[in-house]
Amino acid sequence: MKKIVSLEDFQKAKEGVKSVLLFSADWCPDCRFIEPFFPEVESNFSDFTFFYVDRDKFLDQCIELDVYGIPSFLIFNHGKEIGRFVNKDRKTREQIEAFLNQHNV
């Protein structure tokens, strides 16, 4: 997973093809819950490019995109949001994969 470190990176990720932005934070226990299985999810969904967005470092962008709970996922394709799995709840592998499958066309 690529880590977004600048506003330029953030914008490029949004403008990419089938970009999945994972909004997270180091202190978030529900975000840590997905870490053990997420590399396999990434490899199973190789049509997507995955990006890690530290919510605390990109707070203004989170506000712009109405991302208030983490972990949360947004999918962009050529700058257009095509998928949203945003809430404050812990997400299971099955929920994440079902979300990705809905947008894997």
PDB file of N, CA and C in Angstrom:
ATOM      1  N   MET A   1       0.843  -1.168   0.000  1.00  0.00           N
ATOM      2  CA  MET A   1       0.000   0.000   0.000  1.00  0.00           C
ATOM      3  C   MET A   1       0.891   1.234   0.000  1.00  0.00           C
ATOM      4  N   LYS A   2       0.536   2.178  -0.832  1.00  0.00           N
ATOM      5  CA  LYS A   2       1.306   3.410  -0.917  1.00  0.00           C
ATOM      6  C   LYS A   2       0.815   4.380   0.157  1.00  0.00           C
ATOM      7  N   LYS A   3       1.748   5.041   0.810  1.00  0.00           N
ATOM      8  CA  LYS A   3       1.391   5.994   1.850  1.00  0.00           C
ATOM      9  C   LYS A   3       1.394   7.401   1.255  1.00  0.00           C
ATOM     10  N   ILE A   4       0.306   8.113   1.471  1.00  0.00           N
ATOM     11  CA  ILE A   4       0.212   9.483   0.992  1.00  0.00           C
ATOM     12  C   ILE A   4       0.917  10.382   1.996  1.00  0.00           C
ATOM     13  N   VAL A   5       1.879  11.180   1.486  1.00  0.00           N
ATOM     14  CA  VAL A   5       2.677  12.018   2.378  1.00  0.00           C
ATOM     15  C   VAL A   5       2.540  13.508   2.065  1.00  0.00           C
ATOM     16  N   SER A   6       1.878  13.861   0.952  1.00  0.00           N
ATOM     17  CA  SER A   6       1.746  15.270   0.589  1.00  0.00           C
ATOM     18  C   SER A   6       0.386  15.504  -0.059  1.00  0.00           C
ATOM     19  N   LEU A   7      -0.003  16.765  -0.131  1.00  0.00           N
ATOM     20  CA  LEU A   7      -1.249  17.102  -0.817  1.00  0.00           C
ATOM     21  C   LEU A   7      -1.184  16.728  -2.291  1.00  0.00           C
ATOM     22  N   GLU A   8       0.011  16.831  -2.868  1.00  0.00           N
ATOM     23  CA  GLU A   8       0.197  16.426  -4.261  1.00  0.00           C
ATOM     24  C   GLU A   8      -0.065  14.927  -4.422  1.00  0.00           C
ATOM     25  N   ASP A   9       0.473  14.121  -3.503  1.00  0.00           N
ATOM     26  CA  ASP A   9       0.205  12.676  -3.518  1.00  0.00           C
ATOM     27  C   ASP A   9      -1.293  12.399  -3.402  1.00  0.00           C
ATOM     28  N   PHE A  10      -1.932  13.130  -2.497  1.00  0.00           N
ATOM     29  CA  PHE A  10      -3.364  12.941  -2.263  1.00  0.00           C
ATOM     30  C   PHE A  10      -4.149  13.204  -3.551  1.00  0.00           C
ATOM     31  N   GLN A  11      -3.841  14.306  -4.207  1.00  0.00           N
ATOM     32  CA  GLN A  11      -4.534  14.665  -5.439  1.00  0.00           C
ATOM     33  C   GLN A  11      -4.257  13.643  -6.542  1.00  0.00           C
ATOM     34  N   LYS A  12      -3.018  13.220  -6.683  1.00  0.00           N
ATOM     35  CA  LYS A  12      -2.674  12.216  -7.701  1.00  0.00           C
ATOM     36  C   LYS A  12      -3.411  10.910  -7.458  1.00  0.00           C
ATOM     37  N   ALA A  13      -3.527  10.513  -6.189  1.00  0.00           N
ATOM     38  CA  ALA A  13      -4.236   9.275  -5.855  1.00  0.00           C
ATOM     39  C   ALA A  13      -5.695   9.384  -6.278  1.00  0.00           C
ATOM     40  N   LYS A  14      -6.317  10.511  -6.008  1.00  0.00           N
ATOM     41  CA  LYS A  14      -7.719  10.696  -6.385  1.00  0.00           C
ATOM     42  C   LYS A  14      -7.895  10.679  -7.896  1.00  0.00           C
ATOM     43  N   GLU A  15      -6.917  11.141  -8.626  1.00  0.00           N
ATOM     44  CA  GLU A  15      -7.034  11.227 -10.083  1.00  0.00           C
ATOM     45  C   GLU A  15      -6.624   9.937 -10.781  1.00  0.00           C
ATOM     46  N   GLY A  16      -6.163   8.959 -10.033  1.00  0.00           N
ATOM     47  CA  GLY A  16      -5.715   7.705 -10.612  1.00  0.00           C
ATOM     48  C   GLY A  16      -6.868   6.823 -11.068  1.00  0.00           C
ATOM     49  N   VAL A  17      -6.518   5.645 -11.524  1.00  0.00           N
ATOM     50  CA  VAL A  17      -7.490   4.662 -11.988  1.00  0.00           C
ATOM     51  C   VAL A  17      -7.755   3.674 -10.859  1.00  0.00           C
ATOM     52  N   LYS A  18      -9.018   3.606 -10.434  1.00  0.00           N
ATOM     53  CA  LYS A  18      -9.448   2.675  -9.378  1.00  0.00           C
ATOM     54  C   LYS A  18      -8.539   2.753  -8.145  1.00  0.00           C
ATOM     55  N   SER A  19      -8.486   3.945  -7.580  1.00  0.00           N
ATOM     56  CA  SER A  19      -7.680   4.196  -6.384  1.00  0.00           C
ATOM     57  C   SER A  19      -8.540   4.027  -5.139  1.00  0.00           C
ATOM     58  N   VAL A  20      -8.069   3.201  -4.214  1.00  0.00           N
ATOM     59  CA  VAL A  20      -8.749   3.018  -2.934  1.00  0.00           C
ATOM     60  C   VAL A  20      -7.961   3.780  -1.877  1.00  0.00           C
ATOM     61  N   LEU A  21      -8.611   4.753  -1.251  1.00  0.00           N
ATOM     62  CA  LEU A  21      -7.986   5.516  -0.182  1.00  0.00           C
ATOM     63  C   LEU A  21      -8.483   4.974   1.146  1.00  0.00           C
ATOM     64  N   LEU A  22      -7.569   4.460   1.930  1.00  0.00           N
ATOM     65  CA  LEU A  22      -7.881   3.969   3.277  1.00  0.00           C
ATOM     66  C   LEU A  22      -7.530   5.076   4.253  1.00  0.00           C
ATOM     67  N   PHE A  23      -8.539   5.629   4.897  1.00  0.00           N
ATOM     68  CA  PHE A  23      -8.339   6.661   5.910  1.00  0.00           C
ATOM     69  C   PHE A  23      -8.195   5.967   7.253  1.00  0.00           C
ATOM     70  N   SER A  24      -7.108   6.275   7.948  1.00  0.00           N
ATOM     71  CA  SER A  24      -6.755   5.548   9.154  1.00  0.00           C
ATOM     72  C   SER A  24      -5.939   6.452  10.066  1.00  0.00           C
ATOM     73  N   ALA A  25      -5.531   5.903  11.210  1.00  0.00           N
ATOM     74  CA  ALA A  25      -4.636   6.613  12.125  1.00  0.00           C
ATOM     75  C   ALA A  25      -3.920   5.579  12.984  1.00  0.00           C
ATOM     76  N   ASP A  26      -2.706   5.911  13.393  1.00  0.00           N
ATOM     77  CA  ASP A  26      -1.902   4.976  14.178  1.00  0.00           C
ATOM     78  C   ASP A  26      -2.547   4.612  15.511  1.00  0.00           C
ATOM     79  N   TRP A  27      -3.285   5.519  16.089  1.00  0.00           N
ATOM     80  CA  TRP A  27      -3.860   5.315  17.419  1.00  0.00           C
ATOM     81  C   TRP A  27      -5.196   4.565  17.393  1.00  0.00           C
ATOM     82  N   CYS A  28      -5.729   4.285  16.227  1.00  0.00           N
ATOM     83  CA  CYS A  28      -7.078   3.727  16.065  1.00  0.00           C
ATOM     84  C   CYS A  28      -7.065   2.197  16.190  1.00  0.00           C
ATOM     85  N   PRO A  29      -7.684   1.632  17.248  1.00  0.00           N
ATOM     86  CA  PRO A  29      -7.670   0.171  17.404  1.00  0.00           C
ATOM     87  C   PRO A  29      -8.435  -0.560  16.299  1.00  0.00           C
ATOM     88  N   ASP A  30      -9.519   0.032  15.794  1.00  0.00           N
ATOM     89  CA  ASP A  30     -10.263  -0.622  14.718  1.00  0.00           C
ATOM     90  C   ASP A  30      -9.474  -0.616  13.411  1.00  0.00           C
ATOM     91  N   CYS A  31      -8.605   0.377  13.251  1.00  0.00           N
ATOM     92  CA  CYS A  31      -7.713   0.418  12.085  1.00  0.00           C
ATOM     93  C   CYS A  31      -6.639  -0.659  12.200  1.00  0.00           C
ATOM     94  N   ARG A  32      -6.124  -0.854  13.380  1.00  0.00           N
ATOM     95  CA  ARG A  32      -5.113  -1.887  13.615  1.00  0.00           C
ATOM     96  C   ARG A  32      -5.707  -3.287  13.409  1.00  0.00           C
ATOM     97  N   PHE A  33      -6.991  -3.444  13.649  1.00  0.00           N
ATOM     98  CA  PHE A  33      -7.669  -4.730  13.490  1.00  0.00           C
ATOM     99  C   PHE A  33      -7.542  -5.264  12.068  1.00  0.00           C
ATOM    100  N   ILE A  34      -7.577  -4.383  11.060  1.00  0.00           N
ATOM    101  CA  ILE A  34      -7.548  -4.849   9.668  1.00  0.00           C
ATOM    102  C   ILE A  34      -6.138  -5.113   9.157  1.00  0.00           C
ATOM    103  N   GLU A  35      -5.126  -4.653   9.863  1.00  0.00           N
ATOM    104  CA  GLU A  35      -3.744  -4.785   9.386  1.00  0.00           C
ATOM    105  C   GLU A  35      -3.312  -6.218   9.077  1.00  0.00           C
ATOM    106  N   PRO A  36      -3.620  -7.207   9.928  1.00  0.00           N
ATOM    107  CA  PRO A  36      -3.112  -8.557   9.645  1.00  0.00           C
ATOM    108  C   PRO A  36      -3.615  -9.163   8.337  1.00  0.00           C
ATOM    109  N   PHE A  37      -4.842  -8.876   7.957  1.00  0.00           N
ATOM    110  CA  PHE A  37      -5.387  -9.491   6.747  1.00  0.00           C
ATOM    111  C   PHE A  37      -5.373  -8.566   5.531  1.00  0.00           C
ATOM    112  N   PHE A  38      -5.062  -7.302   5.717  1.00  0.00           N
ATOM    113  CA  PHE A  38      -5.187  -6.376   4.597  1.00  0.00           C
ATOM    114  C   PHE A  38      -4.217  -6.634   3.448  1.00  0.00           C
ATOM    115  N   PRO A  39      -2.982  -7.051   3.687  1.00  0.00           N
ATOM    116  CA  PRO A  39      -2.109  -7.354   2.533  1.00  0.00           C
ATOM    117  C   PRO A  39      -2.707  -8.407   1.595  1.00  0.00           C
ATOM    118  N   GLU A  40      -3.389  -9.378   2.152  1.00  0.00           N
ATOM    119  CA  GLU A  40      -4.016 -10.398   1.305  1.00  0.00           C
ATOM    120  C   GLU A  40      -5.211  -9.819   0.543  1.00  0.00           C
ATOM    121  N   VAL A  41      -5.960  -8.937   1.191  1.00  0.00           N
ATOM    122  CA  VAL A  41      -7.063  -8.256   0.497  1.00  0.00           C
ATOM    123  C   VAL A  41      -6.502  -7.484  -0.697  1.00  0.00           C
ATOM    124  N   GLU A  42      -5.417  -6.752  -0.459  1.00  0.00           N
ATOM    125  CA  GLU A  42      -4.784  -5.999  -1.553  1.00  0.00           C
ATOM    126  C   GLU A  42      -4.399  -6.911  -2.707  1.00  0.00           C
ATOM    127  N   SER A  43      -3.782  -8.037  -2.405  1.00  0.00           N
ATOM    128  CA  SER A  43      -3.342  -8.928  -3.484  1.00  0.00           C
ATOM    129  C   SER A  43      -4.528  -9.567  -4.196  1.00  0.00           C
ATOM    130  N   ASN A  44      -5.647  -9.781  -3.505  1.00  0.00           N
ATOM    131  CA  ASN A  44      -6.843 -10.350  -4.130  1.00  0.00           C
ATOM    132  C   ASN A  44      -7.579  -9.339  -5.001  1.00  0.00           C
ATOM    133  N   PHE A  45      -7.305  -8.062  -4.802  1.00  0.00           N
ATOM    134  CA  PHE A  45      -7.963  -7.001  -5.565  1.00  0.00           C
ATOM    135  C   PHE A  45      -6.905  -6.158  -6.274  1.00  0.00           C
ATOM    136  N   SER A  46      -6.122  -6.811  -7.101  1.00  0.00           N
ATOM    137  CA  SER A  46      -4.987  -6.151  -7.756  1.00  0.00           C
ATOM    138  C   SER A  46      -5.413  -5.161  -8.837  1.00  0.00           C
ATOM    139  N   ASP A  47      -6.699  -5.121  -9.185  1.00  0.00           N
ATOM    140  CA  ASP A  47      -7.181  -4.111 -10.129  1.00  0.00           C
ATOM    141  C   ASP A  47      -7.200  -2.724  -9.505  1.00  0.00           C
ATOM    142  N   PHE A  48      -7.135  -2.679  -8.181  1.00  0.00           N
ATOM    143  CA  PHE A  48      -7.144  -1.416  -7.459  1.00  0.00           C
ATOM    144  C   PHE A  48      -5.728  -1.041  -7.034  1.00  0.00           C
ATOM    145  N   THR A  49      -5.495   0.255  -6.870  1.00  0.00           N
ATOM    146  CA  THR A  49      -4.272   0.750  -6.245  1.00  0.00           C
ATOM    147  C   THR A  49      -4.683   1.288  -4.879  1.00  0.00           C
ATOM    148  N   PHE A  50      -4.026   0.815  -3.837  1.00  0.00           N
ATOM    149  CA  PHE A  50      -4.401   1.162  -2.470  1.00  0.00           C
ATOM    150  C   PHE A  50      -3.459   2.225  -1.913  1.00  0.00           C
ATOM    151  N   PHE A  51      -4.062   3.197  -1.217  1.00  0.00           N
ATOM    152  CA  PHE A  51      -3.322   4.297  -0.610  1.00  0.00           C
ATOM    153  C   PHE A  51      -3.733   4.433   0.849  1.00  0.00           C
ATOM    154  N   TYR A  52      -2.739   4.638   1.702  1.00  0.00           N
ATOM    155  CA  TYR A  52      -2.976   4.882   3.120  1.00  0.00           C
ATOM    156  C   TYR A  52      -2.989   6.389   3.355  1.00  0.00           C
ATOM    157  N   VAL A  53      -4.058   6.888   3.962  1.00  0.00           N
ATOM    158  CA  VAL A  53      -4.181   8.312   4.284  1.00  0.00           C
ATOM    159  C   VAL A  53      -4.268   8.440   5.802  1.00  0.00           C
ATOM    160  N   ASP A  54      -3.284   9.069   6.398  1.00  0.00           N
ATOM    161  CA  ASP A  54      -3.303   9.323   7.840  1.00  0.00           C
ATOM    162  C   ASP A  54      -4.299  10.448   8.105  1.00  0.00           C
ATOM    163  N   ARG A  55      -5.388  10.104   8.747  1.00  0.00           N
ATOM    164  CA  ARG A  55      -6.458  11.063   8.987  1.00  0.00           C
ATOM    165  C   ARG A  55      -5.966  12.312   9.713  1.00  0.00           C
ATOM    166  N   ASP A  56      -5.054  12.147  10.643  1.00  0.00           N
ATOM    167  CA  ASP A  56      -4.572  13.279  11.429  1.00  0.00           C
ATOM    168  C   ASP A  56      -3.727  14.246  10.603  1.00  0.00           C
ATOM    169  N   LYS A  57      -3.064  13.741   9.585  1.00  0.00           N
ATOM    170  CA  LYS A  57      -2.219  14.592   8.738  1.00  0.00           C
ATOM    171  C   LYS A  57      -2.994  15.235   7.593  1.00  0.00           C
ATOM    172  N   PHE A  58      -4.160  14.696   7.284  1.00  0.00           N
ATOM    173  CA  PHE A  58      -4.970  15.203   6.178  1.00  0.00           C
ATOM    174  C   PHE A  58      -6.387  15.517   6.648  1.00  0.00           C
ATOM    175  N   LEU A  59      -6.475  16.164   7.785  1.00  0.00           N
ATOM    176  CA  LEU A  59      -7.763  16.457   8.407  1.00  0.00           C
ATOM    177  C   LEU A  59      -8.642  17.338   7.517  1.00  0.00           C
ATOM    178  N   ASP A  60      -8.069  18.342   6.876  1.00  0.00           N
ATOM    179  CA  ASP A  60      -8.860  19.216   6.000  1.00  0.00           C
ATOM    180  C   ASP A  60      -9.470  18.437   4.839  1.00  0.00           C
ATOM    181  N   GLN A  61      -8.707  17.505   4.265  1.00  0.00           N
ATOM    182  CA  GLN A  61      -9.225  16.696   3.168  1.00  0.00           C
ATOM    183  C   GLN A  61     -10.323  15.748   3.664  1.00  0.00           C
ATOM    184  N   CYS A  62     -10.167  15.241   4.882  1.00  0.00           N
ATOM    185  CA  CYS A  62     -11.208  14.385   5.456  1.00  0.00           C
ATOM    186  C   CYS A  62     -12.501  15.173   5.630  1.00  0.00           C
ATOM    187  N   ILE A  63     -12.387  16.402   6.117  1.00  0.00           N
ATOM    188  CA  ILE A  63     -13.568  17.245   6.289  1.00  0.00           C
ATOM    189  C   ILE A  63     -14.223  17.511   4.938  1.00  0.00           C
ATOM    190  N   GLU A  64     -13.423  17.854   3.930  1.00  0.00           N
ATOM    191  CA  GLU A  64     -13.948  18.090   2.575  1.00  0.00           C
ATOM    192  C   GLU A  64     -14.717  16.888   2.051  1.00  0.00           C
ATOM    193  N   LEU A  65     -14.220  15.693   2.359  1.00  0.00           N
ATOM    194  CA  LEU A  65     -14.819  14.458   1.826  1.00  0.00           C
ATOM    195  C   LEU A  65     -15.823  13.820   2.789  1.00  0.00           C
ATOM    196  N   ASP A  66     -16.126  14.491   3.899  1.00  0.00           N
ATOM    197  CA  ASP A  66     -17.052  13.958   4.905  1.00  0.00           C
ATOM    198  C   ASP A  66     -16.610  12.604   5.441  1.00  0.00           C
ATOM    199  N   VAL A  67     -15.323  12.494   5.728  1.00  0.00           N
ATOM    200  CA  VAL A  67     -14.784  11.280   6.338  1.00  0.00           C
ATOM    201  C   VAL A  67     -14.493  11.614   7.795  1.00  0.00           C
ATOM    202  N   TYR A  68     -15.413  11.209   8.667  1.00  0.00           N
ATOM    203  CA  TYR A  68     -15.262  11.525  10.087  1.00  0.00           C
ATOM    204  C   TYR A  68     -14.970  10.290  10.923  1.00  0.00           C
ATOM    205  N   GLY A  69     -15.300   9.127  10.442  1.00  0.00           N
ATOM    206  CA  GLY A  69     -15.004   7.892  11.154  1.00  0.00           C
ATOM    207  C   GLY A  69     -13.909   7.125  10.448  1.00  0.00           C
ATOM    208  N   ILE A  70     -13.130   6.387  11.223  1.00  0.00           N
ATOM    209  CA  ILE A  70     -12.071   5.555  10.643  1.00  0.00           C
ATOM    210  C   ILE A  70     -12.105   4.182  11.291  1.00  0.00           C
ATOM    211  N   PRO A  71     -11.652   3.166  10.601  1.00  0.00           N
ATOM    212  CA  PRO A  71     -11.132   3.172   9.233  1.00  0.00           C
ATOM    213  C   PRO A  71     -12.267   3.360   8.224  1.00  0.00           C
ATOM    214  N   SER A  72     -11.974   4.061   7.164  1.00  0.00           N
ATOM    215  CA  SER A  72     -12.944   4.281   6.104  1.00  0.00           C
ATOM    216  C   SER A  72     -12.249   4.194   4.755  1.00  0.00           C
ATOM    217  N   PHE A  73     -13.046   3.876   3.745  1.00  0.00           N
ATOM    218  CA  PHE A  73     -12.532   3.665   2.392  1.00  0.00           C
ATOM    219  C   PHE A  73     -13.306   4.521   1.403  1.00  0.00           C
ATOM    220  N   LEU A  74     -12.574   5.160   0.495  1.00  0.00           N
ATOM    221  CA  LEU A  74     -13.167   5.833  -0.656  1.00  0.00           C
ATOM    222  C   LEU A  74     -12.484   5.294  -1.903  1.00  0.00           C
ATOM    223  N   ILE A  75     -13.265   5.087  -2.943  1.00  0.00           N
ATOM    224  CA  ILE A  75     -12.695   4.665  -4.220  1.00  0.00           C
ATOM    225  C   ILE A  75     -12.895   5.795  -5.222  1.00  0.00           C
ATOM    226  N   PHE A  76     -11.810   6.154  -5.887  1.00  0.00           N
ATOM    227  CA  PHE A  76     -11.838   7.163  -6.933  1.00  0.00           C
ATOM    228  C   PHE A  76     -11.403   6.536  -8.247  1.00  0.00           C
ATOM    229  N   ASN A  77     -11.981   7.047  -9.327  1.00  0.00           N
ATOM    230  CA  ASN A  77     -11.565   6.641 -10.664  1.00  0.00           C
ATOM    231  C   ASN A  77     -11.513   7.905 -11.518  1.00  0.00           C
ATOM    232  N   HIS A  78     -10.311   8.285 -11.926  1.00  0.00           N
ATOM    233  CA  HIS A  78     -10.106   9.494 -12.732  1.00  0.00           C
ATOM    234  C   HIS A  78     -10.707  10.724 -12.064  1.00  0.00           C
ATOM    235  N   GLY A  79     -10.522  10.856 -10.746  1.00  0.00           N
ATOM    236  CA  GLY A  79     -10.975  12.037 -10.026  1.00  0.00           C
ATOM    237  C   GLY A  79     -12.409  12.001  -9.547  1.00  0.00           C
ATOM    238  N   LYS A  80     -13.151  10.983  -9.912  1.00  0.00           N
ATOM    239  CA  LYS A  80     -14.554  10.891  -9.521  1.00  0.00           C
ATOM    240  C   LYS A  80     -14.706   9.812  -8.444  1.00  0.00           C
ATOM    241  N   GLU A  81     -15.385  10.170  -7.360  1.00  0.00           N
ATOM    242  CA  GLU A  81     -15.656   9.179  -6.317  1.00  0.00           C
ATOM    243  C   GLU A  81     -16.679   8.180  -6.832  1.00  0.00           C
ATOM    244  N   ILE A  82     -16.318   6.889  -6.775  1.00  0.00           N
ATOM    245  CA  ILE A  82     -17.237   5.856  -7.260  1.00  0.00           C
ATOM    246  C   ILE A  82     -17.654   4.880  -6.161  1.00  0.00           C
ATOM    247  N   GLY A  83     -17.065   5.017  -4.976  1.00  0.00           N
ATOM    248  CA  GLY A  83     -17.430   4.128  -3.882  1.00  0.00           C
ATOM    249  C   GLY A  83     -17.079   4.731  -2.544  1.00  0.00           C
ATOM    250  N   ARG A  84     -17.903   4.416  -1.534  1.00  0.00           N
ATOM    251  CA  ARG A  84     -17.716   4.990  -0.204  1.00  0.00           C
ATOM    252  C   ARG A  84     -18.130   3.960   0.844  1.00  0.00           C
ATOM    253  N   PHE A  85     -17.214   3.658   1.737  1.00  0.00           N
ATOM    254  CA  PHE A  85     -17.488   2.794   2.894  1.00  0.00           C
ATOM    255  C   PHE A  85     -16.947   3.568   4.089  1.00  0.00           C
ATOM    256  N   VAL A  86     -17.762   4.516   4.554  1.00  0.00           N
ATOM    257  CA  VAL A  86     -17.330   5.480   5.552  1.00  0.00           C
ATOM    258  C   VAL A  86     -18.239   5.408   6.771  1.00  0.00           C
ATOM    259  N   ASN A  87     -17.647   5.042   7.887  1.00  0.00           N
ATOM    260  CA  ASN A  87     -18.307   5.116   9.182  1.00  0.00           C
ATOM    261  C   ASN A  87     -17.247   4.867  10.247  1.00  0.00           C
ATOM    262  N   LYS A  88     -17.641   4.913  11.492  1.00  0.00           N
ATOM    263  CA  LYS A  88     -16.672   4.772  12.575  1.00  0.00           C
ATOM    264  C   LYS A  88     -16.563   3.337  13.079  1.00  0.00           C
ATOM    265  N   ASP A  89     -17.279   2.418  12.462  1.00  0.00           N
ATOM    266  CA  ASP A  89     -17.325   1.044  12.944  1.00  0.00           C
ATOM    267  C   ASP A  89     -16.115   0.232  12.493  1.00  0.00           C
ATOM    268  N   ARG A  90     -15.789  -0.778  13.303  1.00  0.00           N
ATOM    269  CA  ARG A  90     -14.773  -1.753  12.906  1.00  0.00           C
ATOM    270  C   ARG A  90     -15.274  -2.488  11.671  1.00  0.00           C
ATOM    271  N   LYS A  91     -14.377  -2.713  10.728  1.00  0.00           N
ATOM    272  CA  LYS A  91     -14.753  -3.388   9.496  1.00  0.00           C
ATOM    273  C   LYS A  91     -14.098  -4.766   9.435  1.00  0.00           C
ATOM    274  N   THR A  92     -14.885  -5.741   9.047  1.00  0.00           N
ATOM    275  CA  THR A  92     -14.355  -7.089   8.913  1.00  0.00           C
ATOM    276  C   THR A  92     -13.792  -7.269   7.512  1.00  0.00           C
ATOM    277  N   ARG A  93     -13.017  -8.307   7.366  1.00  0.00           N
ATOM    278  CA  ARG A  93     -12.478  -8.641   6.045  1.00  0.00           C
ATOM    279  C   ARG A  93     -13.618  -8.853   5.051  1.00  0.00           C
ATOM    280  N   GLU A  94     -14.657  -9.549   5.475  1.00  0.00           N
ATOM    281  CA  GLU A  94     -15.786  -9.840   4.596  1.00  0.00           C
ATOM    282  C   GLU A  94     -16.476  -8.562   4.145  1.00  0.00           C
ATOM    283  N   GLN A  95     -16.638  -7.597   5.055  1.00  0.00           N
ATOM    284  CA  GLN A  95     -17.278  -6.331   4.696  1.00  0.00           C
ATOM    285  C   GLN A  95     -16.425  -5.554   3.694  1.00  0.00           C
ATOM    286  N   ILE A  96     -15.129  -5.512   3.922  1.00  0.00           N
ATOM    287  CA  ILE A  96     -14.227  -4.788   3.025  1.00  0.00           C
ATOM    288  C   ILE A  96     -14.229  -5.439   1.649  1.00  0.00           C
ATOM    289  N   GLU A  97     -14.141  -6.758   1.603  1.00  0.00           N
ATOM    290  CA  GLU A  97     -14.133  -7.452   0.320  1.00  0.00           C
ATOM    291  C   GLU A  97     -15.460  -7.291  -0.418  1.00  0.00           C
ATOM    292  N   ALA A  98     -16.575  -7.306   0.305  1.00  0.00           N
ATOM    293  CA  ALA A  98     -17.878  -7.096  -0.334  1.00  0.00           C
ATOM    294  C   ALA A  98     -17.950  -5.693  -0.936  1.00  0.00           C
ATOM    295  N   PHE A  99     -17.454  -4.709  -0.212  1.00  0.00           N
ATOM    296  CA  PHE A  99     -17.412  -3.335  -0.722  1.00  0.00           C
ATOM    297  C   PHE A  99     -16.566  -3.250  -1.985  1.00  0.00           C
ATOM    298  N   LEU A 100     -15.373  -3.835  -1.961  1.00  0.00           N
ATOM    299  CA  LEU A 100     -14.494  -3.798  -3.134  1.00  0.00           C
ATOM    300  C   LEU A 100     -15.105  -4.542  -4.315  1.00  0.00           C
ATOM    301  N   ASN A 101     -15.749  -5.667  -4.050  1.00  0.00           N
ATOM    302  CA  ASN A 101     -16.394  -6.433  -5.124  1.00  0.00           C
ATOM    303  C   ASN A 101     -17.488  -5.626  -5.827  1.00  0.00           C
ATOM    304  N   GLN A 102     -18.187  -4.784  -5.080  1.00  0.00           N
ATOM    305  CA  GLN A 102     -19.252  -3.960  -5.675  1.00  0.00           C
ATOM    306  C   GLN A 102     -18.686  -3.001  -6.727  1.00  0.00           C
ATOM    307  N   HIS A 103     -17.425  -2.635  -6.580  1.00  0.00           N
ATOM    308  CA  HIS A 103     -16.837  -1.617  -7.448  1.00  0.00           C
ATOM    309  C   HIS A 103     -15.733  -2.183  -8.336  1.00  0.00           C
ATOM    310  N   ASN A 104     -15.628  -3.474  -8.427  1.00  0.00           N
ATOM    311  CA  ASN A 104     -14.577  -4.114  -9.207  1.00  0.00           C
ATOM    312  C   ASN A 104     -15.130  -4.534 -10.561  1.00  0.00           C
ATOM    313  N   VAL A 105     -15.453  -3.525 -11.376  1.00  0.00           N
ATOM    314  CA  VAL A 105     -15.998  -3.790 -12.724  1.00  0.00           C
ATOM    315  C   VAL A 105     -15.104  -3.214 -13.790  1.00  0.00           C
TER     316      VAL A 105
END
